[in-house]
Amino acid sequence: MRLKAAALVLVASLCAGLAVAAPPAAAIRDGRRAALAPAAPVWTVDKAASRLTFRGVVSGQTFDGVFKSWDAQIAFDPKDLGASHAVVTIGIPSVVTGDPTRDQMLPTPDWFSAAKFPKASFVTTAITQTGPDHYQAVGDLKIRDSVRRVSMPFTLTILKDVANMDGTLVIDRRQFGVGQGQFASPDTVAANVTVVVRLAAKKAR
């Protein structure tokens, strides 16, 4: 009888342990659904048809600049924005404005400090639709050693496997430490800089 009682206790203990260790059936089903959920389609950027530019104002005069080196990893599905995301990486030393004096100054510590911070980046945290063909990308923009949460509205049209996107983002350069010393005053260099993204991409899968 003692052996039988001990065996019953052992079996009960094992059953209790399995009950605690085993995940609920609902959790198993949810995990399986998550594992099987398709990722958003990946898009390959057509660099020849895409541009990353910006516009600033110095002493009341408007100037335009362009980043010649940049890359974007994009996964996007207009029917599943929760699975959509983008990571944009910008080569700071590639910036040019067409003005030799300005182009020599921009990589210096007072501006982009390109030797110390050769890359800038934008990583989305959420993409929402605001209207037909109109969206908004919220994400973290990093320039130099500063990271700020920004929101960029953009338009997007998709025809078969080709997408065209146009976005505009206005930032305060001072929040990122761009333009220091004698250039910090907005009376000399306007605080706001307009970044314009024109992107063409093709669905990779």
N, C-alpha and C. Protein backbone atom coordinates (compact mmCIF):
# COMPACT_ATOMS: atom_id res chain seq x y z
N MET A 1 0.83 -1.21 0.00
CA MET A 1 0.00 0.00 0.00
C MET A 1 0.86 1.25 0.00
N ARG A 2 1.95 1.17 0.79
CA ARG A 2 2.83 2.34 0.81
C ARG A 2 3.45 2.60 -0.56
N LEU A 3 3.86 1.52 -1.25
CA LEU A 3 4.43 1.67 -2.59
C LEU A 3 3.41 2.24 -3.55
N LYS A 4 2.16 1.75 -3.42
CA LYS A 4 1.10 2.22 -4.32
C LYS A 4 0.83 3.70 -4.08
N ALA A 5 0.80 4.10 -2.81
CA ALA A 5 0.55 5.50 -2.48
C ALA A 5 1.68 6.38 -3.00
N ALA A 6 2.92 5.89 -2.85
CA ALA A 6 4.07 6.66 -3.33
C ALA A 6 4.02 6.82 -4.84
N ALA A 7 3.61 5.73 -5.52
CA ALA A 7 3.51 5.79 -6.98
C ALA A 7 2.46 6.80 -7.42
N LEU A 8 1.33 6.80 -6.69
CA LEU A 8 0.27 7.76 -7.03
C LEU A 8 0.75 9.20 -6.83
N VAL A 9 1.49 9.43 -5.74
CA VAL A 9 2.02 10.78 -5.48
C VAL A 9 2.97 11.18 -6.60
N LEU A 10 3.84 10.26 -7.03
CA LEU A 10 4.80 10.54 -8.08
C LEU A 10 4.10 10.88 -9.39
N VAL A 11 3.09 10.08 -9.75
CA VAL A 11 2.34 10.33 -10.99
C VAL A 11 1.65 11.68 -10.92
N ALA A 12 1.05 12.00 -9.78
CA ALA A 12 0.36 13.28 -9.62
C ALA A 12 1.34 14.44 -9.76
N SER A 13 2.53 14.27 -9.19
CA SER A 13 3.53 15.33 -9.27
C SER A 13 3.98 15.56 -10.70
N LEU A 14 4.20 14.46 -11.44
CA LEU A 14 4.60 14.58 -12.84
C LEU A 14 3.53 15.28 -13.66
N CYS A 15 2.28 14.92 -13.43
CA CYS A 15 1.17 15.54 -14.17
C CYS A 15 1.09 17.02 -13.88
N ALA A 16 1.28 17.39 -12.61
CA ALA A 16 1.24 18.80 -12.24
C ALA A 16 2.37 19.57 -12.90
N GLY A 17 3.57 18.92 -12.91
CA GLY A 17 4.71 19.57 -13.55
C GLY A 17 4.49 19.79 -15.02
N LEU A 18 3.92 18.79 -15.70
CA LEU A 18 3.65 18.93 -17.12
C LEU A 18 2.61 20.01 -17.38
N ALA A 19 1.63 20.10 -16.49
CA ALA A 19 0.59 21.11 -16.66
C ALA A 19 1.17 22.51 -16.56
N VAL A 20 2.15 22.69 -15.65
CA VAL A 20 2.78 24.01 -15.51
C VAL A 20 3.69 24.31 -16.68
N ALA A 21 4.45 23.31 -17.14
CA ALA A 21 5.44 23.53 -18.18
C ALA A 21 4.82 23.68 -19.55
N ALA A 22 3.73 22.98 -19.79
CA ALA A 22 3.14 22.98 -21.13
C ALA A 22 2.40 24.28 -21.38
N PRO A 23 2.66 24.99 -22.53
CA PRO A 23 1.95 26.21 -22.84
C PRO A 23 0.52 25.90 -23.21
N PRO A 24 -0.40 26.83 -22.98
CA PRO A 24 -1.78 26.63 -23.36
C PRO A 24 -1.90 26.39 -24.85
N ALA A 25 -2.96 25.67 -25.24
CA ALA A 25 -3.16 25.38 -26.66
C ALA A 25 -3.29 26.65 -27.47
N ALA A 26 -3.94 27.67 -26.88
CA ALA A 26 -4.11 28.93 -27.60
C ALA A 26 -2.76 29.57 -27.91
N ALA A 27 -1.82 29.47 -26.92
CA ALA A 27 -0.50 30.05 -27.13
C ALA A 27 0.23 29.32 -28.24
N ILE A 28 0.07 27.99 -28.28
CA ILE A 28 0.69 27.21 -29.35
C ILE A 28 0.14 27.63 -30.70
N ARG A 29 -1.19 27.77 -30.75
CA ARG A 29 -1.79 28.18 -32.03
C ARG A 29 -1.32 29.57 -32.43
N ASP A 30 -1.25 30.51 -31.46
CA ASP A 30 -0.81 31.87 -31.76
C ASP A 30 0.62 31.87 -32.24
N GLY A 31 1.48 31.08 -31.58
CA GLY A 31 2.87 31.00 -31.99
C GLY A 31 3.02 30.45 -33.39
N ARG A 32 2.17 29.41 -33.69
CA ARG A 32 2.22 28.83 -35.02
C ARG A 32 1.78 29.83 -36.07
N ARG A 33 0.74 30.60 -35.73
CA ARG A 33 0.27 31.61 -36.67
C ARG A 33 1.34 32.66 -36.91
N ALA A 34 2.04 33.08 -35.83
CA ALA A 34 3.09 34.09 -35.98
C ALA A 34 4.23 33.57 -36.83
N ALA A 35 4.56 32.28 -36.63
CA ALA A 35 5.67 31.71 -37.40
C ALA A 35 5.32 31.58 -38.87
N LEU A 36 4.04 31.32 -39.14
CA LEU A 36 3.63 31.12 -40.52
C LEU A 36 3.20 32.41 -41.21
N ALA A 37 3.06 33.51 -40.44
CA ALA A 37 2.60 34.76 -41.03
C ALA A 37 3.61 35.25 -42.07
N PRO A 38 3.16 35.55 -43.28
CA PRO A 38 4.09 35.99 -44.32
C PRO A 38 4.64 37.37 -44.03
N ALA A 39 5.92 37.57 -44.32
CA ALA A 39 6.52 38.88 -44.16
C ALA A 39 6.08 39.77 -45.30
N ALA A 40 6.20 41.09 -45.09
CA ALA A 40 5.85 42.04 -46.16
C ALA A 40 6.83 41.87 -47.31
N PRO A 41 6.39 42.10 -48.54
CA PRO A 41 7.28 41.97 -49.70
C PRO A 41 8.48 42.90 -49.59
N VAL A 42 9.61 42.42 -50.05
CA VAL A 42 10.84 43.22 -50.07
C VAL A 42 10.92 43.99 -51.39
N TRP A 43 11.37 45.23 -51.29
CA TRP A 43 11.48 46.09 -52.47
C TRP A 43 12.93 46.51 -52.68
N THR A 44 13.38 46.46 -53.93
CA THR A 44 14.74 46.85 -54.29
C THR A 44 14.73 48.24 -54.90
N VAL A 45 15.53 49.14 -54.33
CA VAL A 45 15.54 50.53 -54.78
C VAL A 45 16.25 50.66 -56.12
N ASP A 46 15.64 51.41 -57.03
CA ASP A 46 16.26 51.77 -58.30
C ASP A 46 17.04 53.05 -58.06
N LYS A 47 18.35 52.93 -57.82
CA LYS A 47 19.16 54.08 -57.46
C LYS A 47 19.19 55.14 -58.56
N ALA A 48 19.18 54.72 -59.81
CA ALA A 48 19.25 55.67 -60.91
C ALA A 48 18.00 56.57 -60.96
N ALA A 49 16.88 56.06 -60.48
CA ALA A 49 15.63 56.81 -60.52
C ALA A 49 15.24 57.39 -59.16
N SER A 50 16.15 57.33 -58.19
CA SER A 50 15.85 57.78 -56.83
C SER A 50 16.84 58.86 -56.41
N ARG A 51 16.37 59.75 -55.52
CA ARG A 51 17.23 60.82 -55.03
C ARG A 51 16.91 61.14 -53.57
N LEU A 52 17.96 61.51 -52.84
CA LEU A 52 17.83 61.98 -51.47
C LEU A 52 18.46 63.36 -51.40
N THR A 53 17.63 64.39 -51.28
CA THR A 53 18.12 65.76 -51.34
C THR A 53 17.66 66.54 -50.10
N PHE A 54 18.20 67.74 -49.96
CA PHE A 54 17.77 68.62 -48.87
C PHE A 54 17.90 70.08 -49.33
N ARG A 55 17.18 70.93 -48.62
CA ARG A 55 17.21 72.37 -48.93
C ARG A 55 17.40 73.15 -47.64
N GLY A 56 18.34 74.09 -47.67
CA GLY A 56 18.61 74.94 -46.52
C GLY A 56 18.68 76.39 -46.95
N VAL A 57 18.86 77.27 -45.95
CA VAL A 57 18.95 78.71 -46.22
C VAL A 57 20.12 79.28 -45.43
N VAL A 58 21.02 79.95 -46.13
CA VAL A 58 22.17 80.62 -45.51
C VAL A 58 22.15 82.09 -45.91
N SER A 59 22.15 82.95 -44.89
CA SER A 59 22.13 84.40 -45.13
C SER A 59 21.01 84.80 -46.08
N GLY A 60 19.86 84.16 -45.92
CA GLY A 60 18.71 84.49 -46.74
C GLY A 60 18.70 83.86 -48.12
N GLN A 61 19.75 83.13 -48.45
CA GLN A 61 19.84 82.50 -49.77
C GLN A 61 19.58 81.00 -49.66
N THR A 62 18.67 80.52 -50.50
CA THR A 62 18.34 79.09 -50.50
C THR A 62 19.38 78.30 -51.28
N PHE A 63 19.73 77.14 -50.77
CA PHE A 63 20.64 76.25 -51.49
C PHE A 63 20.12 74.83 -51.39
N ASP A 64 20.50 74.01 -52.36
CA ASP A 64 20.10 72.60 -52.40
C ASP A 64 21.32 71.71 -52.29
N GLY A 65 21.13 70.58 -51.65
CA GLY A 65 22.20 69.59 -51.53
C GLY A 65 21.68 68.21 -51.83
N VAL A 66 22.59 67.28 -52.05
CA VAL A 66 22.21 65.91 -52.36
C VAL A 66 23.21 64.96 -51.71
N PHE A 67 22.69 63.83 -51.22
CA PHE A 67 23.55 62.75 -50.74
C PHE A 67 23.67 61.73 -51.86
N LYS A 68 24.89 61.55 -52.35
CA LYS A 68 25.10 60.65 -53.48
C LYS A 68 25.16 59.19 -53.07
N SER A 69 25.50 58.93 -51.81
CA SER A 69 25.62 57.56 -51.34
C SER A 69 24.60 57.30 -50.22
N TRP A 70 23.68 56.39 -50.48
CA TRP A 70 22.69 56.00 -49.47
C TRP A 70 22.07 54.68 -49.89
N ASP A 71 21.43 54.03 -48.95
CA ASP A 71 20.83 52.74 -49.23
C ASP A 71 19.55 52.61 -48.41
N ALA A 72 18.64 51.79 -48.89
CA ALA A 72 17.37 51.58 -48.17
C ALA A 72 16.97 50.12 -48.25
N GLN A 73 16.65 49.54 -47.10
CA GLN A 73 16.07 48.20 -47.03
C GLN A 73 14.59 48.39 -46.71
N ILE A 74 13.75 47.94 -47.62
CA ILE A 74 12.32 48.21 -47.51
C ILE A 74 11.52 46.92 -47.60
N ALA A 75 10.60 46.75 -46.66
CA ALA A 75 9.59 45.69 -46.73
C ALA A 75 8.25 46.39 -46.58
N PHE A 76 7.40 46.26 -47.59
CA PHE A 76 6.16 47.06 -47.56
C PHE A 76 5.01 46.30 -48.20
N ASP A 77 3.89 46.36 -47.49
CA ASP A 77 2.64 45.79 -47.99
C ASP A 77 1.52 46.73 -47.58
N PRO A 78 0.88 47.41 -48.53
CA PRO A 78 -0.18 48.36 -48.17
C PRO A 78 -1.34 47.71 -47.44
N LYS A 79 -1.47 46.39 -47.56
CA LYS A 79 -2.54 45.67 -46.87
C LYS A 79 -2.10 45.14 -45.50
N ASP A 80 -0.82 45.29 -45.20
CA ASP A 80 -0.30 44.83 -43.91
C ASP A 80 0.79 45.80 -43.45
N LEU A 81 0.37 46.98 -43.06
CA LEU A 81 1.34 48.01 -42.66
C LEU A 81 2.05 47.64 -41.37
N GLY A 82 1.43 46.78 -40.56
CA GLY A 82 2.08 46.35 -39.33
C GLY A 82 3.35 45.55 -39.59
N ALA A 83 3.41 44.89 -40.73
CA ALA A 83 4.60 44.11 -41.09
C ALA A 83 5.55 44.88 -41.98
N SER A 84 5.22 46.13 -42.26
CA SER A 84 6.03 46.96 -43.17
C SER A 84 7.04 47.78 -42.38
N HIS A 85 8.21 47.96 -42.95
CA HIS A 85 9.23 48.76 -42.29
C HIS A 85 10.30 49.16 -43.30
N ALA A 86 11.11 50.14 -42.90
CA ALA A 86 12.20 50.60 -43.77
C ALA A 86 13.38 51.05 -42.93
N VAL A 87 14.57 50.81 -43.43
CA VAL A 87 15.80 51.28 -42.82
C VAL A 87 16.61 51.99 -43.90
N VAL A 88 16.87 53.27 -43.68
CA VAL A 88 17.63 54.07 -44.65
C VAL A 88 18.97 54.44 -44.02
N THR A 89 20.05 54.18 -44.74
CA THR A 89 21.39 54.52 -44.27
C THR A 89 22.02 55.49 -45.26
N ILE A 90 22.59 56.57 -44.73
CA ILE A 90 23.11 57.66 -45.57
C ILE A 90 24.59 57.82 -45.34
N GLY A 91 25.36 57.88 -46.42
CA GLY A 91 26.79 58.14 -46.35
C GLY A 91 27.04 59.63 -46.27
N ILE A 92 27.34 60.14 -45.09
CA ILE A 92 27.50 61.57 -44.89
C ILE A 92 28.60 62.19 -45.75
N PRO A 93 29.77 61.54 -45.94
CA PRO A 93 30.81 62.16 -46.77
C PRO A 93 30.40 62.38 -48.22
N SER A 94 29.28 61.79 -48.63
CA SER A 94 28.87 61.92 -50.03
C SER A 94 28.07 63.19 -50.30
N VAL A 95 27.86 64.04 -49.27
CA VAL A 95 27.03 65.23 -49.44
C VAL A 95 27.72 66.26 -50.34
N VAL A 96 26.96 66.81 -51.28
CA VAL A 96 27.45 67.87 -52.16
C VAL A 96 26.34 68.88 -52.37
N THR A 97 26.75 70.15 -52.54
CA THR A 97 25.78 71.22 -52.82
C THR A 97 26.10 71.98 -54.10
N GLY A 98 27.27 71.72 -54.67
CA GLY A 98 27.66 72.44 -55.88
C GLY A 98 28.46 73.69 -55.59
N ASP A 99 28.58 74.05 -54.32
CA ASP A 99 29.39 75.21 -53.93
C ASP A 99 30.66 74.69 -53.25
N PRO A 100 31.85 74.91 -53.85
CA PRO A 100 33.09 74.32 -53.31
C PRO A 100 33.35 74.69 -51.84
N THR A 101 33.13 75.96 -51.49
CA THR A 101 33.39 76.38 -50.10
C THR A 101 32.45 75.67 -49.13
N ARG A 102 31.18 75.63 -49.47
CA ARG A 102 30.20 74.97 -48.61
C ARG A 102 30.48 73.47 -48.53
N ASP A 103 30.85 72.87 -49.65
CA ASP A 103 31.11 71.43 -49.66
C ASP A 103 32.33 71.07 -48.81
N GLN A 104 33.27 71.97 -48.69
CA GLN A 104 34.42 71.72 -47.83
C GLN A 104 34.06 71.86 -46.35
N MET A 105 33.08 72.70 -46.07
CA MET A 105 32.70 72.95 -44.67
C MET A 105 31.77 71.88 -44.11
N LEU A 106 30.88 71.34 -44.92
CA LEU A 106 29.86 70.42 -44.41
C LEU A 106 30.43 69.20 -43.68
N PRO A 107 31.54 68.60 -44.12
CA PRO A 107 32.07 67.43 -43.39
C PRO A 107 32.78 67.77 -42.09
N THR A 108 33.02 69.06 -41.80
CA THR A 108 33.81 69.44 -40.63
C THR A 108 33.04 69.27 -39.33
N PRO A 109 33.74 69.32 -38.17
CA PRO A 109 33.08 69.12 -36.87
C PRO A 109 31.94 70.10 -36.59
N ASP A 110 32.00 71.32 -37.15
CA ASP A 110 30.92 72.28 -36.92
C ASP A 110 29.62 71.85 -37.60
N TRP A 111 29.74 70.99 -38.58
CA TRP A 111 28.56 70.58 -39.33
C TRP A 111 28.28 69.09 -39.12
N PHE A 112 28.54 68.27 -40.12
CA PHE A 112 28.21 66.84 -39.99
C PHE A 112 29.26 66.03 -39.25
N SER A 113 30.45 66.58 -39.11
CA SER A 113 31.56 65.85 -38.48
C SER A 113 31.67 64.45 -39.09
N ALA A 114 31.83 64.43 -40.41
CA ALA A 114 31.75 63.19 -41.19
C ALA A 114 32.81 62.16 -40.80
N ALA A 115 33.98 62.60 -40.38
CA ALA A 115 35.03 61.64 -40.00
C ALA A 115 34.62 60.86 -38.76
N LYS A 116 33.95 61.51 -37.83
CA LYS A 116 33.52 60.86 -36.59
C LYS A 116 32.18 60.17 -36.74
N PHE A 117 31.29 60.76 -37.55
CA PHE A 117 29.95 60.19 -37.74
C PHE A 117 29.67 60.02 -39.23
N PRO A 118 30.26 59.00 -39.86
CA PRO A 118 30.15 58.85 -41.31
C PRO A 118 28.79 58.40 -41.81
N LYS A 119 27.93 57.96 -40.90
CA LYS A 119 26.62 57.46 -41.31
C LYS A 119 25.50 58.17 -40.57
N ALA A 120 24.43 58.45 -41.28
CA ALA A 120 23.16 58.85 -40.67
C ALA A 120 22.16 57.77 -41.01
N SER A 121 21.06 57.69 -40.25
CA SER A 121 20.10 56.63 -40.51
C SER A 121 18.69 57.05 -40.12
N PHE A 122 17.74 56.39 -40.76
CA PHE A 122 16.33 56.55 -40.42
C PHE A 122 15.72 55.16 -40.36
N VAL A 123 15.17 54.81 -39.20
CA VAL A 123 14.58 53.49 -38.99
C VAL A 123 13.13 53.67 -38.58
N THR A 124 12.21 53.14 -39.37
CA THR A 124 10.80 53.32 -39.07
C THR A 124 10.38 52.48 -37.86
N THR A 125 9.44 53.03 -37.11
CA THR A 125 8.83 52.30 -36.01
C THR A 125 7.36 52.02 -36.29
N ALA A 126 6.77 52.77 -37.21
CA ALA A 126 5.37 52.56 -37.58
C ALA A 126 5.09 53.26 -38.91
N ILE A 127 4.25 52.62 -39.71
CA ILE A 127 3.80 53.22 -40.97
C ILE A 127 2.28 53.14 -40.99
N THR A 128 1.63 54.28 -41.22
CA THR A 128 0.17 54.32 -41.25
C THR A 128 -0.31 54.98 -42.53
N GLN A 129 -1.54 54.66 -42.90
CA GLN A 129 -2.14 55.28 -44.08
C GLN A 129 -3.03 56.44 -43.63
N THR A 130 -2.87 57.59 -44.30
CA THR A 130 -3.63 58.78 -43.93
C THR A 130 -4.67 59.15 -44.98
N GLY A 131 -4.64 58.47 -46.12
CA GLY A 131 -5.59 58.73 -47.19
C GLY A 131 -5.22 57.90 -48.40
N PRO A 132 -5.98 58.00 -49.50
CA PRO A 132 -5.64 57.24 -50.70
C PRO A 132 -4.24 57.61 -51.20
N ASP A 133 -3.35 56.63 -51.25
CA ASP A 133 -1.96 56.82 -51.69
C ASP A 133 -1.15 57.73 -50.77
N HIS A 134 -1.68 58.06 -49.60
CA HIS A 134 -0.97 58.93 -48.66
C HIS A 134 -0.69 58.15 -47.37
N TYR A 135 0.57 58.27 -46.91
CA TYR A 135 1.00 57.53 -45.73
C TYR A 135 1.84 58.42 -44.82
N GLN A 136 2.17 57.88 -43.67
CA GLN A 136 3.05 58.56 -42.73
C GLN A 136 3.98 57.55 -42.10
N ALA A 137 5.27 57.86 -42.17
CA ALA A 137 6.28 56.98 -41.57
C ALA A 137 6.83 57.65 -40.32
N VAL A 138 6.68 56.99 -39.19
CA VAL A 138 7.25 57.47 -37.93
C VAL A 138 8.49 56.63 -37.64
N GLY A 139 9.56 57.30 -37.24
CA GLY A 139 10.76 56.53 -36.98
C GLY A 139 11.83 57.36 -36.29
N ASP A 140 12.97 56.73 -36.09
CA ASP A 140 14.10 57.37 -35.40
C ASP A 140 15.13 57.82 -36.41
N LEU A 141 15.40 59.12 -36.40
CA LEU A 141 16.40 59.71 -37.28
C LEU A 141 17.66 59.98 -36.46
N LYS A 142 18.77 59.43 -36.94
CA LYS A 142 20.05 59.63 -36.25
C LYS A 142 21.00 60.40 -37.15
N ILE A 143 21.46 61.54 -36.65
CA ILE A 143 22.49 62.34 -37.33
C ILE A 143 23.52 62.72 -36.28
N ARG A 144 24.78 62.55 -36.62
CA ARG A 144 25.85 62.69 -35.64
C ARG A 144 25.58 61.73 -34.49
N ASP A 145 25.55 62.22 -33.24
CA ASP A 145 25.27 61.35 -32.11
C ASP A 145 23.90 61.64 -31.50
N SER A 146 23.02 62.25 -32.28
CA SER A 146 21.69 62.59 -31.80
C SER A 146 20.63 61.75 -32.51
N VAL A 147 19.66 61.27 -31.73
CA VAL A 147 18.55 60.48 -32.28
C VAL A 147 17.25 61.17 -31.90
N ARG A 148 16.40 61.41 -32.90
CA ARG A 148 15.12 62.06 -32.65
C ARG A 148 14.01 61.28 -33.34
N ARG A 149 12.86 61.22 -32.70
CA ARG A 149 11.68 60.60 -33.30
C ARG A 149 11.04 61.63 -34.25
N VAL A 150 10.88 61.26 -35.51
CA VAL A 150 10.34 62.17 -36.51
C VAL A 150 9.20 61.49 -37.24
N SER A 151 8.43 62.28 -37.96
CA SER A 151 7.29 61.77 -38.72
C SER A 151 7.35 62.33 -40.13
N MET A 152 7.39 61.46 -41.12
CA MET A 152 7.51 61.89 -42.51
C MET A 152 6.28 61.48 -43.31
N PRO A 153 5.49 62.44 -43.79
CA PRO A 153 4.39 62.09 -44.69
C PRO A 153 4.93 61.77 -46.08
N PHE A 154 4.30 60.83 -46.76
CA PHE A 154 4.74 60.51 -48.10
C PHE A 154 3.58 59.99 -48.94
N THR A 155 3.74 60.12 -50.24
CA THR A 155 2.77 59.55 -51.17
C THR A 155 3.40 58.33 -51.81
N LEU A 156 2.57 57.37 -52.16
CA LEU A 156 3.07 56.13 -52.74
C LEU A 156 2.08 55.59 -53.75
N THR A 157 2.59 55.29 -54.93
CA THR A 157 1.78 54.62 -55.93
C THR A 157 2.48 53.32 -56.33
N ILE A 158 1.70 52.27 -56.45
CA ILE A 158 2.24 50.96 -56.84
C ILE A 158 1.50 50.48 -58.08
N LEU A 159 2.25 50.23 -59.13
CA LEU A 159 1.70 49.70 -60.37
C LEU A 159 2.38 48.37 -60.65
N LYS A 160 1.61 47.31 -60.46
CA LYS A 160 2.15 45.95 -60.57
C LYS A 160 3.30 45.80 -59.58
N ASP A 161 4.54 45.63 -60.07
CA ASP A 161 5.67 45.41 -59.16
C ASP A 161 6.58 46.62 -59.06
N VAL A 162 6.09 47.80 -59.45
CA VAL A 162 6.91 49.01 -59.40
C VAL A 162 6.24 50.04 -58.48
N ALA A 163 7.02 50.59 -57.58
CA ALA A 163 6.51 51.58 -56.63
C ALA A 163 7.26 52.89 -56.78
N ASN A 164 6.53 54.01 -56.63
CA ASN A 164 7.13 55.33 -56.64
C ASN A 164 6.67 56.08 -55.40
N MET A 165 7.65 56.59 -54.67
CA MET A 165 7.37 57.24 -53.39
C MET A 165 7.99 58.62 -53.36
N ASP A 166 7.25 59.58 -52.81
CA ASP A 166 7.75 60.94 -52.61
C ASP A 166 7.44 61.35 -51.18
N GLY A 167 8.49 61.73 -50.44
CA GLY A 167 8.30 62.14 -49.05
C GLY A 167 9.07 63.40 -48.73
N THR A 168 8.55 64.16 -47.77
CA THR A 168 9.20 65.41 -47.35
C THR A 168 9.23 65.46 -45.83
N LEU A 169 10.38 65.80 -45.30
CA LEU A 169 10.56 65.87 -43.86
C LEU A 169 11.28 67.17 -43.51
N VAL A 170 10.71 67.96 -42.61
CA VAL A 170 11.33 69.20 -42.14
C VAL A 170 11.91 68.95 -40.75
N ILE A 171 13.20 69.20 -40.61
CA ILE A 171 13.87 68.99 -39.32
C ILE A 171 14.56 70.27 -38.87
N ASP A 172 14.76 70.36 -37.57
CA ASP A 172 15.54 71.46 -37.00
C ASP A 172 16.98 70.97 -36.86
N ARG A 173 17.85 71.50 -37.67
CA ARG A 173 19.25 71.03 -37.70
C ARG A 173 19.91 71.13 -36.34
N ARG A 174 19.48 72.11 -35.51
CA ARG A 174 20.12 72.33 -34.21
C ARG A 174 19.89 71.16 -33.26
N GLN A 175 18.79 70.42 -33.45
CA GLN A 175 18.52 69.26 -32.60
C GLN A 175 19.51 68.13 -32.84
N PHE A 176 20.22 68.20 -33.96
CA PHE A 176 21.19 67.15 -34.30
C PHE A 176 22.63 67.67 -34.23
N GLY A 177 22.80 68.90 -33.74
CA GLY A 177 24.15 69.45 -33.62
C GLY A 177 24.78 69.82 -34.94
N VAL A 178 23.96 70.02 -35.97
CA VAL A 178 24.48 70.39 -37.29
C VAL A 178 24.49 71.92 -37.40
N GLY A 179 25.68 72.49 -37.54
CA GLY A 179 25.83 73.94 -37.58
C GLY A 179 26.09 74.46 -36.18
N GLN A 180 27.35 74.45 -35.77
CA GLN A 180 27.72 74.87 -34.43
C GLN A 180 28.59 76.12 -34.49
N GLY A 181 28.98 76.62 -33.31
CA GLY A 181 29.84 77.80 -33.26
C GLY A 181 29.16 79.00 -33.91
N GLN A 182 29.85 79.64 -34.81
CA GLN A 182 29.33 80.83 -35.47
C GLN A 182 28.14 80.53 -36.37
N PHE A 183 27.90 79.24 -36.65
CA PHE A 183 26.79 78.87 -37.54
C PHE A 183 25.54 78.45 -36.76
N ALA A 184 25.61 78.51 -35.45
CA ALA A 184 24.49 78.03 -34.64
C ALA A 184 23.27 78.94 -34.74
N SER A 185 23.51 80.23 -34.90
CA SER A 185 22.40 81.19 -34.92
C SER A 185 21.54 81.03 -36.17
N PRO A 186 20.22 80.93 -35.99
CA PRO A 186 19.32 80.85 -37.15
C PRO A 186 19.30 82.13 -37.98
N ASP A 187 19.88 83.22 -37.44
CA ASP A 187 19.97 84.46 -38.22
C ASP A 187 20.97 84.30 -39.36
N THR A 188 21.94 83.40 -39.17
CA THR A 188 22.93 83.14 -40.22
C THR A 188 22.52 81.96 -41.08
N VAL A 189 22.20 80.85 -40.42
CA VAL A 189 21.76 79.64 -41.11
C VAL A 189 20.38 79.27 -40.57
N ALA A 190 19.39 79.17 -41.43
CA ALA A 190 18.03 78.85 -41.00
C ALA A 190 18.01 77.54 -40.23
N ALA A 191 17.21 77.50 -39.17
CA ALA A 191 17.15 76.30 -38.33
C ALA A 191 16.54 75.12 -39.08
N ASN A 192 15.51 75.38 -39.84
CA ASN A 192 14.80 74.29 -40.52
C ASN A 192 15.46 73.91 -41.84
N VAL A 193 15.58 72.62 -42.02
CA VAL A 193 16.10 72.04 -43.26
C VAL A 193 15.04 71.07 -43.80
N THR A 194 14.77 71.17 -45.08
CA THR A 194 13.77 70.30 -45.70
C THR A 194 14.45 69.16 -46.43
N VAL A 195 14.14 67.95 -46.01
CA VAL A 195 14.69 66.75 -46.64
C VAL A 195 13.63 66.19 -47.60
N VAL A 196 14.04 65.88 -48.81
CA VAL A 196 13.12 65.37 -49.82
C VAL A 196 13.61 64.01 -50.30
N VAL A 197 12.72 63.04 -50.24
CA VAL A 197 13.04 61.68 -50.69
C VAL A 197 12.19 61.35 -51.91
N ARG A 198 12.83 61.02 -52.99
CA ARG A 198 12.14 60.55 -54.19
C ARG A 198 12.68 59.17 -54.50
N LEU A 199 11.82 58.18 -54.43
CA LEU A 199 12.30 56.81 -54.48
C LEU A 199 11.48 55.97 -55.46
N ALA A 200 12.18 55.22 -56.26
CA ALA A 200 11.55 54.23 -57.14
C ALA A 200 12.08 52.87 -56.76
N ALA A 201 11.20 51.88 -56.70
CA ALA A 201 11.62 50.55 -56.26
C ALA A 201 10.82 49.48 -56.99
N LYS A 202 11.40 48.30 -57.04
CA LYS A 202 10.75 47.17 -57.68
C LYS A 202 10.63 46.03 -56.68
N LYS A 203 9.49 45.36 -56.70
CA LYS A 203 9.27 44.26 -55.77
C LYS A 203 10.23 43.13 -56.08
N ALA A 204 10.96 42.71 -55.03
CA ALA A 204 11.95 41.66 -55.22
C ALA A 204 11.37 40.28 -55.05
N ARG A 205 10.32 40.14 -54.23
CA ARG A 205 9.67 38.85 -54.03
C ARG A 205 8.24 39.07 -53.58
